[in-house]
Amino acid sequence: MTPPSVRLLTRSVRPGGKVVLRVTDRGSGVDWPALLATVDGRPRRVVYFPGANRAEVPVGVPGRGRHTLVFTASDVQETKNNENGATTLPNTRCFGTTFSIR
């Protein structure tokens, strides 16, 4: 089992715009209610479009320039895992990147 795949689709957005990501999972699927995002350490709402495998994160109104996005995605099976063994691999991807506001 592997964690979901996350890819940044927009590297530059306008103030008040949205960062767009592609989020997929070949196994049990993306646990979309559990998607989390922060912009510069502040929590942001995530809107997921399962048919398009697309997530949108509103950036709010931080100033122009470079900003940090941390996005966490789990697969549906992750919520069913209850093993505490040393060999258990979590199916969660923590994706960190930067983007700019122009």
PDB file of N, CA and C in Angstrom:
ATOM      1  N   MET A   1       0.844  -1.190   0.000  1.00  0.00           N
ATOM      2  CA  MET A   1       0.000   0.000   0.000  1.00  0.00           C
ATOM      3  C   MET A   1       0.879   1.239   0.000  1.00  0.00           C
ATOM      4  N   THR A   2       0.458   2.218  -0.714  1.00  0.00           N
ATOM      5  CA  THR A   2       1.195   3.479  -0.771  1.00  0.00           C
ATOM      6  C   THR A   2       0.256   4.619  -0.410  1.00  0.00           C
ATOM      7  N   PRO A   3       0.821   5.705   0.096  1.00  0.00           N
ATOM      8  CA  PRO A   3      -0.025   6.855   0.429  1.00  0.00           C
ATOM      9  C   PRO A   3      -0.520   7.536  -0.843  1.00  0.00           C
ATOM     10  N   PRO A   4      -1.526   8.394  -0.711  1.00  0.00           N
ATOM     11  CA  PRO A   4      -2.020   9.117  -1.873  1.00  0.00           C
ATOM     12  C   PRO A   4      -0.917   9.935  -2.549  1.00  0.00           C
ATOM     13  N   SER A   5      -1.101  10.171  -3.813  1.00  0.00           N
ATOM     14  CA  SER A   5      -0.192  11.007  -4.589  1.00  0.00           C
ATOM     15  C   SER A   5      -0.734  12.435  -4.579  1.00  0.00           C
ATOM     16  N   VAL A   6       0.152  13.400  -4.333  1.00  0.00           N
ATOM     17  CA  VAL A   6      -0.241  14.812  -4.308  1.00  0.00           C
ATOM     18  C   VAL A   6       0.700  15.575  -5.222  1.00  0.00           C
ATOM     19  N   ARG A   7       0.126  16.393  -6.124  1.00  0.00           N
ATOM     20  CA  ARG A   7       0.941  17.191  -7.042  1.00  0.00           C
ATOM     21  C   ARG A   7       0.364  18.601  -7.122  1.00  0.00           C
ATOM     22  N   LEU A   8       1.231  19.595  -7.002  1.00  0.00           N
ATOM     23  CA  LEU A   8       0.822  20.995  -7.098  1.00  0.00           C
ATOM     24  C   LEU A   8       0.563  21.344  -8.556  1.00  0.00           C
ATOM     25  N   LEU A   9      -0.605  21.926  -8.845  1.00  0.00           N
ATOM     26  CA  LEU A   9      -0.950  22.325 -10.210  1.00  0.00           C
ATOM     27  C   LEU A   9      -0.792  23.820 -10.443  1.00  0.00           C
ATOM     28  N   THR A  10      -0.844  24.623  -9.380  1.00  0.00           N
ATOM     29  CA  THR A  10      -0.672  26.073  -9.530  1.00  0.00           C
ATOM     30  C   THR A  10       0.475  26.536  -8.650  1.00  0.00           C
ATOM     31  N   ARG A  11       1.439  27.181  -9.239  1.00  0.00           N
ATOM     32  CA  ARG A  11       2.584  27.704  -8.472  1.00  0.00           C
ATOM     33  C   ARG A  11       2.446  29.189  -8.182  1.00  0.00           C
ATOM     34  N   SER A  12       1.539  29.842  -8.882  1.00  0.00           N
ATOM     35  CA  SER A  12       1.357  31.278  -8.710  1.00  0.00           C
ATOM     36  C   SER A  12      -0.136  31.596  -8.748  1.00  0.00           C
ATOM     37  N   VAL A  13      -0.603  32.338  -7.738  1.00  0.00           N
ATOM     38  CA  VAL A  13      -2.019  32.697  -7.663  1.00  0.00           C
ATOM     39  C   VAL A  13      -2.163  34.193  -7.372  1.00  0.00           C
ATOM     40  N   ARG A  14      -3.329  34.689  -7.625  1.00  0.00           N
ATOM     41  CA  ARG A  14      -3.642  36.081  -7.290  1.00  0.00           C
ATOM     42  C   ARG A  14      -4.067  36.156  -5.823  1.00  0.00           C
ATOM     43  N   PRO A  15      -3.962  37.324  -5.205  1.00  0.00           N
ATOM     44  CA  PRO A  15      -4.437  37.469  -3.820  1.00  0.00           C
ATOM     45  C   PRO A  15      -5.906  37.032  -3.728  1.00  0.00           C
ATOM     46  N   GLY A  16      -6.222  36.243  -2.725  1.00  0.00           N
ATOM     47  CA  GLY A  16      -7.589  35.745  -2.565  1.00  0.00           C
ATOM     48  C   GLY A  16      -7.905  34.548  -3.452  1.00  0.00           C
ATOM     49  N   GLY A  17      -6.931  34.069  -4.220  1.00  0.00           N
ATOM     50  CA  GLY A  17      -7.144  32.946  -5.129  1.00  0.00           C
ATOM     51  C   GLY A  17      -7.033  31.600  -4.442  1.00  0.00           C
ATOM     52  N   LYS A  18      -6.904  30.556  -5.254  1.00  0.00           N
ATOM     53  CA  LYS A  18      -6.846  29.190  -4.744  1.00  0.00           C
ATOM     54  C   LYS A  18      -5.639  28.461  -5.307  1.00  0.00           C
ATOM     55  N   VAL A  19      -4.980  27.708  -4.451  1.00  0.00           N
ATOM     56  CA  VAL A  19      -3.943  26.783  -4.887  1.00  0.00           C
ATOM     57  C   VAL A  19      -4.671  25.502  -5.280  1.00  0.00           C
ATOM     58  N   VAL A  20      -4.312  24.938  -6.429  1.00  0.00           N
ATOM     59  CA  VAL A  20      -4.968  23.731  -6.918  1.00  0.00           C
ATOM     60  C   VAL A  20      -3.965  22.583  -6.916  1.00  0.00           C
ATOM     61  N   LEU A  21      -4.418  21.431  -6.418  1.00  0.00           N
ATOM     62  CA  LEU A  21      -3.575  20.237  -6.345  1.00  0.00           C
ATOM     63  C   LEU A  21      -4.307  19.050  -6.968  1.00  0.00           C
ATOM     64  N   ARG A  22      -3.535  18.120  -7.488  1.00  0.00           N
ATOM     65  CA  ARG A  22      -4.084  16.846  -7.947  1.00  0.00           C
ATOM     66  C   ARG A  22      -3.816  15.834  -6.832  1.00  0.00           C
ATOM     67  N   VAL A  23      -4.886  15.164  -6.360  1.00  0.00           N
ATOM     68  CA  VAL A  23      -4.773  14.209  -5.257  1.00  0.00           C
ATOM     69  C   VAL A  23      -5.429  12.901  -5.699  1.00  0.00           C
ATOM     70  N   THR A  24      -4.630  11.835  -5.746  1.00  0.00           N
ATOM     71  CA  THR A  24      -5.152  10.545  -6.183  1.00  0.00           C
ATOM     72  C   THR A  24      -4.662   9.440  -5.259  1.00  0.00           C
ATOM     73  N   ASP A  25      -5.409   8.346  -5.251  1.00  0.00           N
ATOM     74  CA  ASP A  25      -4.988   7.147  -4.532  1.00  0.00           C
ATOM     75  C   ASP A  25      -5.482   5.944  -5.316  1.00  0.00           C
ATOM     76  N   ARG A  26      -4.561   5.086  -5.709  1.00  0.00           N
ATOM     77  CA  ARG A  26      -4.903   3.915  -6.521  1.00  0.00           C
ATOM     78  C   ARG A  26      -5.560   2.806  -5.719  1.00  0.00           C
ATOM     79  N   GLY A  27      -5.395   2.815  -4.417  1.00  0.00           N
ATOM     80  CA  GLY A  27      -5.934   1.739  -3.583  1.00  0.00           C
ATOM     81  C   GLY A  27      -7.372   1.995  -3.196  1.00  0.00           C
ATOM     82  N   SER A  28      -7.565   2.319  -1.932  1.00  0.00           N
ATOM     83  CA  SER A  28      -8.919   2.464  -1.392  1.00  0.00           C
ATOM     84  C   SER A  28      -9.542   3.829  -1.685  1.00  0.00           C
ATOM     85  N   GLY A  29      -8.790   4.737  -2.267  1.00  0.00           N
ATOM     86  CA  GLY A  29      -9.306   6.061  -2.594  1.00  0.00           C
ATOM     87  C   GLY A  29      -8.906   7.103  -1.557  1.00  0.00           C
ATOM     88  N   VAL A  30      -9.068   8.354  -1.915  1.00  0.00           N
ATOM     89  CA  VAL A  30      -8.705   9.479  -1.050  1.00  0.00           C
ATOM     90  C   VAL A  30      -9.774   9.663   0.025  1.00  0.00           C
ATOM     91  N   ASP A  31      -9.343   9.783   1.264  1.00  0.00           N
ATOM     92  CA  ASP A  31     -10.248  10.074   2.375  1.00  0.00           C
ATOM     93  C   ASP A  31     -10.459  11.589   2.391  1.00  0.00           C
ATOM     94  N   TRP A  32     -11.311  12.070   1.499  1.00  0.00           N
ATOM     95  CA  TRP A  32     -11.430  13.510   1.278  1.00  0.00           C
ATOM     96  C   TRP A  32     -11.913  14.300   2.491  1.00  0.00           C
ATOM     97  N   PRO A  33     -12.759  13.746   3.382  1.00  0.00           N
ATOM     98  CA  PRO A  33     -13.121  14.557   4.548  1.00  0.00           C
ATOM     99  C   PRO A  33     -11.935  14.818   5.483  1.00  0.00           C
ATOM    100  N   ALA A  34     -10.870  14.021   5.354  1.00  0.00           N
ATOM    101  CA  ALA A  34      -9.716  14.171   6.240  1.00  0.00           C
ATOM    102  C   ALA A  34      -8.597  15.019   5.636  1.00  0.00           C
ATOM    103  N   LEU A  35      -8.806  15.595   4.457  1.00  0.00           N
ATOM    104  CA  LEU A  35      -7.769  16.433   3.845  1.00  0.00           C
ATOM    105  C   LEU A  35      -7.529  17.668   4.716  1.00  0.00           C
ATOM    106  N   LEU A  36      -6.259  17.991   4.920  1.00  0.00           N
ATOM    107  CA  LEU A  36      -5.880  19.148   5.741  1.00  0.00           C
ATOM    108  C   LEU A  36      -4.898  20.020   4.974  1.00  0.00           C
ATOM    109  N   ALA A  37      -4.976  21.323   5.206  1.00  0.00           N
ATOM    110  CA  ALA A  37      -4.033  22.241   4.569  1.00  0.00           C
ATOM    111  C   ALA A  37      -3.757  23.415   5.484  1.00  0.00           C
ATOM    112  N   THR A  38      -2.508  23.896   5.409  1.00  0.00           N
ATOM    113  CA  THR A  38      -2.149  25.152   6.063  1.00  0.00           C
ATOM    114  C   THR A  38      -1.399  26.010   5.054  1.00  0.00           C
ATOM    115  N   VAL A  39      -1.586  27.296   5.161  1.00  0.00           N
ATOM    116  CA  VAL A  39      -0.824  28.273   4.380  1.00  0.00           C
ATOM    117  C   VAL A  39      -0.095  29.137   5.394  1.00  0.00           C
ATOM    118  N   ASP A  40       1.220  29.100   5.328  1.00  0.00           N
ATOM    119  CA  ASP A  40       2.055  29.823   6.288  1.00  0.00           C
ATOM    120  C   ASP A  40       1.684  29.480   7.731  1.00  0.00           C
ATOM    121  N   GLY A  41       1.357  28.194   7.956  1.00  0.00           N
ATOM    122  CA  GLY A  41       1.035  27.724   9.296  1.00  0.00           C
ATOM    123  C   GLY A  41      -0.391  27.955   9.747  1.00  0.00           C
ATOM    124  N   ARG A  42      -1.201  28.603   8.922  1.00  0.00           N
ATOM    125  CA  ARG A  42      -2.596  28.864   9.288  1.00  0.00           C
ATOM    126  C   ARG A  42      -3.513  27.864   8.585  1.00  0.00           C
ATOM    127  N   PRO A  43      -4.423  27.227   9.317  1.00  0.00           N
ATOM    128  CA  PRO A  43      -5.320  26.250   8.694  1.00  0.00           C
ATOM    129  C   PRO A  43      -6.165  26.882   7.600  1.00  0.00           C
ATOM    130  N   ARG A  44      -6.368  26.124   6.539  1.00  0.00           N
ATOM    131  CA  ARG A  44      -7.206  26.562   5.419  1.00  0.00           C
ATOM    132  C   ARG A  44      -8.207  25.465   5.092  1.00  0.00           C
ATOM    133  N   ARG A  45      -9.330  25.862   4.599  1.00  0.00           N
ATOM    134  CA  ARG A  45     -10.372  24.940   4.159  1.00  0.00           C
ATOM    135  C   ARG A  45      -9.896  24.247   2.880  1.00  0.00           C
ATOM    136  N   VAL A  46     -10.274  22.988   2.703  1.00  0.00           N
ATOM    137  CA  VAL A  46      -9.942  22.247   1.494  1.00  0.00           C
ATOM    138  C   VAL A  46     -11.248  21.834   0.825  1.00  0.00           C
ATOM    139  N   VAL A  47     -11.363  22.110  -0.470  1.00  0.00           N
ATOM    140  CA  VAL A  47     -12.507  21.651  -1.258  1.00  0.00           C
ATOM    141  C   VAL A  47     -11.982  20.606  -2.221  1.00  0.00           C
ATOM    142  N   TYR A  48     -12.583  19.399  -2.188  1.00  0.00           N
ATOM    143  CA  TYR A  48     -12.111  18.298  -3.022  1.00  0.00           C
ATOM    144  C   TYR A  48     -13.173  17.917  -4.036  1.00  0.00           C
ATOM    145  N   PHE A  49     -12.752  17.716  -5.273  1.00  0.00           N
ATOM    146  CA  PHE A  49     -13.620  17.308  -6.363  1.00  0.00           C
ATOM    147  C   PHE A  49     -13.209  15.893  -6.782  1.00  0.00           C
ATOM    148  N   PRO A  50     -13.880  14.849  -6.223  1.00  0.00           N
ATOM    149  CA  PRO A  50     -13.423  13.481  -6.448  1.00  0.00           C
ATOM    150  C   PRO A  50     -13.409  13.066  -7.915  1.00  0.00           C
ATOM    151  N   GLY A  51     -14.383  13.495  -8.689  1.00  0.00           N
ATOM    152  CA  GLY A  51     -14.425  13.108 -10.100  1.00  0.00           C
ATOM    153  C   GLY A  51     -13.246  13.647 -10.886  1.00  0.00           C
ATOM    154  N   ALA A  52     -12.680  14.745 -10.423  1.00  0.00           N
ATOM    155  CA  ALA A  52     -11.546  15.373 -11.105  1.00  0.00           C
ATOM    156  C   ALA A  52     -10.230  15.119 -10.365  1.00  0.00           C
ATOM    157  N   ASN A  53     -10.285  14.451  -9.208  1.00  0.00           N
ATOM    158  CA  ASN A  53      -9.080  14.239  -8.381  1.00  0.00           C
ATOM    159  C   ASN A  53      -8.379  15.555  -8.079  1.00  0.00           C
ATOM    160  N   ARG A  54      -9.165  16.582  -7.815  1.00  0.00           N
ATOM    161  CA  ARG A  54      -8.621  17.934  -7.631  1.00  0.00           C
ATOM    162  C   ARG A  54      -9.027  18.493  -6.271  1.00  0.00           C
ATOM    163  N   ALA A  55      -8.060  19.122  -5.615  1.00  0.00           N
ATOM    164  CA  ALA A  55      -8.315  19.816  -4.356  1.00  0.00           C
ATOM    165  C   ALA A  55      -7.979  21.290  -4.544  1.00  0.00           C
ATOM    166  N   GLU A  56      -8.788  22.144  -3.958  1.00  0.00           N
ATOM    167  CA  GLU A  56      -8.545  23.588  -3.999  1.00  0.00           C
ATOM    168  C   GLU A  56      -8.405  24.099  -2.573  1.00  0.00           C
ATOM    169  N   VAL A  57      -7.385  24.942  -2.380  1.00  0.00           N
ATOM    170  CA  VAL A  57      -7.113  25.530  -1.068  1.00  0.00           C
ATOM    171  C   VAL A  57      -7.115  27.047  -1.220  1.00  0.00           C
ATOM    172  N   PRO A  58      -8.117  27.739  -0.680  1.00  0.00           N
ATOM    173  CA  PRO A  58      -8.109  29.198  -0.728  1.00  0.00           C
ATOM    174  C   PRO A  58      -6.921  29.736   0.062  1.00  0.00           C
ATOM    175  N   VAL A  59      -6.187  30.678  -0.527  1.00  0.00           N
ATOM    176  CA  VAL A  59      -4.979  31.182   0.139  1.00  0.00           C
ATOM    177  C   VAL A  59      -5.267  32.307   1.111  1.00  0.00           C
ATOM    178  N   GLY A  60      -6.449  32.872   1.065  1.00  0.00           N
ATOM    179  CA  GLY A  60      -6.740  34.011   1.926  1.00  0.00           C
ATOM    180  C   GLY A  60      -6.116  35.264   1.332  1.00  0.00           C
ATOM    181  N   VAL A  61      -5.695  36.165   2.195  1.00  0.00           N
ATOM    182  CA  VAL A  61      -5.141  37.428   1.710  1.00  0.00           C
ATOM    183  C   VAL A  61      -3.753  37.730   2.269  1.00  0.00           C
ATOM    184  N   PRO A  62      -2.847  36.742   2.290  1.00  0.00           N
ATOM    185  CA  PRO A  62      -1.486  37.085   2.703  1.00  0.00           C
ATOM    186  C   PRO A  62      -0.847  37.975   1.638  1.00  0.00           C
ATOM    187  N   GLY A  63       0.225  38.632   1.974  1.00  0.00           N
ATOM    188  CA  GLY A  63       0.873  39.555   1.044  1.00  0.00           C
ATOM    189  C   GLY A  63       1.490  38.861  -0.160  1.00  0.00           C
ATOM    190  N   ARG A  64       1.865  39.672  -1.111  1.00  0.00           N
ATOM    191  CA  ARG A  64       2.525  39.148  -2.307  1.00  0.00           C
ATOM    192  C   ARG A  64       3.842  38.493  -1.929  1.00  0.00           C
ATOM    193  N   GLY A  65       4.286  37.586  -2.781  1.00  0.00           N
ATOM    194  CA  GLY A  65       5.552  36.914  -2.550  1.00  0.00           C
ATOM    195  C   GLY A  65       5.383  35.427  -2.345  1.00  0.00           C
ATOM    196  N   ARG A  66       6.400  34.822  -1.777  1.00  0.00           N
ATOM    197  CA  ARG A  66       6.440  33.365  -1.587  1.00  0.00           C
ATOM    198  C   ARG A  66       5.784  32.967  -0.270  1.00  0.00           C
ATOM    199  N   HIS A  67       5.004  31.875  -0.334  1.00  0.00           N
ATOM    200  CA  HIS A  67       4.295  31.355   0.832  1.00  0.00           C
ATOM    201  C   HIS A  67       4.444  29.841   0.887  1.00  0.00           C
ATOM    202  N   THR A  68       4.200  29.272   2.066  1.00  0.00           N
ATOM    203  CA  THR A  68       4.358  27.838   2.277  1.00  0.00           C
ATOM    204  C   THR A  68       3.002  27.165   2.411  1.00  0.00           C
ATOM    205  N   LEU A  69       2.840  26.069   1.690  1.00  0.00           N
ATOM    206  CA  LEU A  69       1.644  25.234   1.776  1.00  0.00           C
ATOM    207  C   LEU A  69       2.055  23.874   2.325  1.00  0.00           C
ATOM    208  N   VAL A  70       1.342  23.391   3.340  1.00  0.00           N
ATOM    209  CA  VAL A  70       1.500  22.022   3.816  1.00  0.00           C
ATOM    210  C   VAL A  70       0.136  21.362   3.659  1.00  0.00           C
ATOM    211  N   PHE A  71       0.125  20.255   2.927  1.00  0.00           N
ATOM    212  CA  PHE A  71      -1.115  19.556   2.575  1.00  0.00           C
ATOM    213  C   PHE A  71      -0.988  18.101   2.996  1.00  0.00           C
ATOM    214  N   THR A  72      -1.977  17.596   3.725  1.00  0.00           N
ATOM    215  CA  THR A  72      -1.943  16.217   4.201  1.00  0.00           C
ATOM    216  C   THR A  72      -3.140  15.453   3.642  1.00  0.00           C
ATOM    217  N   ALA A  73      -2.839  14.280   3.047  1.00  0.00           N
ATOM    218  CA  ALA A  73      -3.882  13.438   2.473  1.00  0.00           C
ATOM    219  C   ALA A  73      -3.677  11.997   2.924  1.00  0.00           C
ATOM    220  N   SER A  74      -4.771  11.333   3.287  1.00  0.00           N
ATOM    221  CA  SER A  74      -4.751   9.923   3.676  1.00  0.00           C
ATOM    222  C   SER A  74      -5.666   9.149   2.745  1.00  0.00           C
ATOM    223  N   ASP A  75      -5.437   7.845   2.676  1.00  0.00           N
ATOM    224  CA  ASP A  75      -6.383   7.038   1.921  1.00  0.00           C
ATOM    225  C   ASP A  75      -7.476   6.539   2.855  1.00  0.00           C
ATOM    226  N   VAL A  76      -8.534   5.999   2.295  1.00  0.00           N
ATOM    227  CA  VAL A  76      -9.675   5.560   3.084  1.00  0.00           C
ATOM    228  C   VAL A  76      -9.268   4.444   4.034  1.00  0.00           C
ATOM    229  N   GLN A  77      -8.346   3.591   3.632  1.00  0.00           N
ATOM    230  CA  GLN A  77      -7.915   2.478   4.483  1.00  0.00           C
ATOM    231  C   GLN A  77      -7.217   2.971   5.746  1.00  0.00           C
ATOM    232  N   GLU A  78      -6.562   4.118   5.696  1.00  0.00           N
ATOM    233  CA  GLU A  78      -5.820   4.637   6.850  1.00  0.00           C
ATOM    234  C   GLU A  78      -6.703   4.721   8.095  1.00  0.00           C
ATOM    235  N   THR A  79      -7.947   5.118   7.912  1.00  0.00           N
ATOM    236  CA  THR A  79      -8.835   5.267   9.061  1.00  0.00           C
ATOM    237  C   THR A  79      -9.238   3.926   9.645  1.00  0.00           C
ATOM    238  N   LYS A  80      -9.012   2.840   8.892  1.00  0.00           N
ATOM    239  CA  LYS A  80      -9.347   1.502   9.377  1.00  0.00           C
ATOM    240  C   LYS A  80      -8.147   0.789   9.980  1.00  0.00           C
ATOM    241  N   ASN A  81      -6.942   1.325   9.789  1.00  0.00           N
ATOM    242  CA  ASN A  81      -5.746   0.693  10.340  1.00  0.00           C
ATOM    243  C   ASN A  81      -5.711   0.898  11.845  1.00  0.00           C
ATOM    244  N   ASN A  82      -5.510  -0.167  12.575  1.00  0.00           N
ATOM    245  CA  ASN A  82      -5.430  -0.031  14.025  1.00  0.00           C
ATOM    246  C   ASN A  82      -4.234  -0.784  14.584  1.00  0.00           C
ATOM    247  N   GLU A  83      -3.325  -1.195  13.725  1.00  0.00           N
ATOM    248  CA  GLU A  83      -2.141  -1.887  14.192  1.00  0.00           C
ATOM    249  C   GLU A  83      -1.189  -0.886  14.842  1.00  0.00           C
ATOM    250  N   ASN A  84      -0.481  -1.345  15.812  1.00  0.00           N
ATOM    251  CA  ASN A  84       0.529  -0.511  16.449  1.00  0.00           C
ATOM    252  C   ASN A  84       1.916  -1.111  16.271  1.00  0.00           C
ATOM    253  N   GLY A  85       2.037  -2.018  15.317  1.00  0.00           N
ATOM    254  CA  GLY A  85       3.305  -2.701  15.083  1.00  0.00           C
ATOM    255  C   GLY A  85       4.354  -1.788  14.487  1.00  0.00           C
ATOM    256  N   ALA A  86       5.607  -2.141  14.689  1.00  0.00           N
ATOM    257  CA  ALA A  86       6.725  -1.334  14.191  1.00  0.00           C
ATOM    258  C   ALA A  86       6.810  -1.343  12.676  1.00  0.00           C
ATOM    259  N   THR A  87       6.230  -2.356  12.025  1.00  0.00           N
ATOM    260  CA  THR A  87       6.322  -2.434  10.566  1.00  0.00           C
ATOM    261  C   THR A  87       5.119  -1.812   9.868  1.00  0.00           C
ATOM    262  N   THR A  88       4.187  -1.245  10.615  1.00  0.00           N
ATOM    263  CA  THR A  88       3.018  -0.617  10.004  1.00  0.00           C
ATOM    264  C   THR A  88       3.426   0.692   9.344  1.00  0.00           C
ATOM    265  N   LEU A  89       3.090   0.809   8.069  1.00  0.00           N
ATOM    266  CA  LEU A  89       3.405   2.033   7.337  1.00  0.00           C
ATOM    267  C   LEU A  89       2.128   2.832   7.149  1.00  0.00           C
ATOM    268  N   PRO A  90       2.079   4.046   7.619  1.00  0.00           N
ATOM    269  CA  PRO A  90       0.870   4.845   7.449  1.00  0.00           C
ATOM    270  C   PRO A  90       0.663   5.216   5.983  1.00  0.00           C
ATOM    271  N   ASN A  91      -0.590   5.250   5.584  1.00  0.00           N
ATOM    272  CA  ASN A  91      -0.935   5.627   4.216  1.00  0.00           C
ATOM    273  C   ASN A  91      -1.356   7.088   4.172  1.00  0.00           C
ATOM    274  N   THR A  92      -0.501   7.928   4.718  1.00  0.00           N
ATOM    275  CA  THR A  92      -0.737   9.362   4.743  1.00  0.00           C
ATOM    276  C   THR A  92       0.440  10.066   4.086  1.00  0.00           C
ATOM    277  N   ARG A  93       0.138  11.020   3.233  1.00  0.00           N
ATOM    278  CA  ARG A  93       1.183  11.809   2.584  1.00  0.00           C
ATOM    279  C   ARG A  93       1.111  13.217   3.128  1.00  0.00           C
ATOM    280  N   CYS A  94       2.248  13.716   3.602  1.00  0.00           N
ATOM    281  CA  CYS A  94       2.377  15.113   4.013  1.00  0.00           C
ATOM    282  C   CYS A  94       3.214  15.793   2.945  1.00  0.00           C
ATOM    283  N   PHE A  95       2.597  16.699   2.214  1.00  0.00           N
ATOM    284  CA  PHE A  95       3.203  17.352   1.055  1.00  0.00           C
ATOM    285  C   PHE A  95       3.455  18.811   1.399  1.00  0.00           C
ATOM    286  N   GLY A  96       4.704  19.210   1.359  1.00  0.00           N
ATOM    287  CA  GLY A  96       5.051  20.610   1.623  1.00  0.00           C
ATOM    288  C   GLY A  96       5.647  21.241   0.378  1.00  0.00           C
ATOM    289  N   THR A  97       5.255  22.459   0.103  1.00  0.00           N
ATOM    290  CA  THR A  97       5.761  23.160  -1.072  1.00  0.00           C
ATOM    291  C   THR A  97       5.611  24.661  -0.867  1.00  0.00           C
ATOM    292  N   THR A  98       6.123  25.406  -1.802  1.00  0.00           N
ATOM    293  CA  THR A  98       5.920  26.853  -1.792  1.00  0.00           C
ATOM    294  C   THR A  98       5.165  27.271  -3.046  1.00  0.00           C
ATOM    295  N   PHE A  99       4.496  28.389  -2.939  1.00  0.00           N
ATOM    296  CA  PHE A  99       3.816  28.993  -4.079  1.00  0.00           C
ATOM    297  C   PHE A  99       3.956  30.504  -3.934  1.00  0.00           C
ATOM    298  N   SER A 100       3.645  31.224  -4.977  1.00  0.00           N
ATOM    299  CA  SER A 100       3.763  32.680  -4.869  1.00  0.00           C
ATOM    300  C   SER A 100       2.439  33.356  -5.151  1.00  0.00           C
ATOM    301  N   ILE A 101       2.251  34.481  -4.510  1.00  0.00           N
ATOM    302  CA  ILE A 101       1.093  35.344  -4.757  1.00  0.00           C
ATOM    303  C   ILE A 101       1.623  36.543  -5.528  1.00  0.00           C
ATOM    304  N   ARG A 102       1.048  36.758  -6.676  1.00  0.00           N
ATOM    305  CA  ARG A 102       1.532  37.821  -7.563  1.00  0.00           C
ATOM    306  C   ARG A 102       0.741  39.099  -7.427  1.00  0.00           C
TER     307      ARG A 102
END
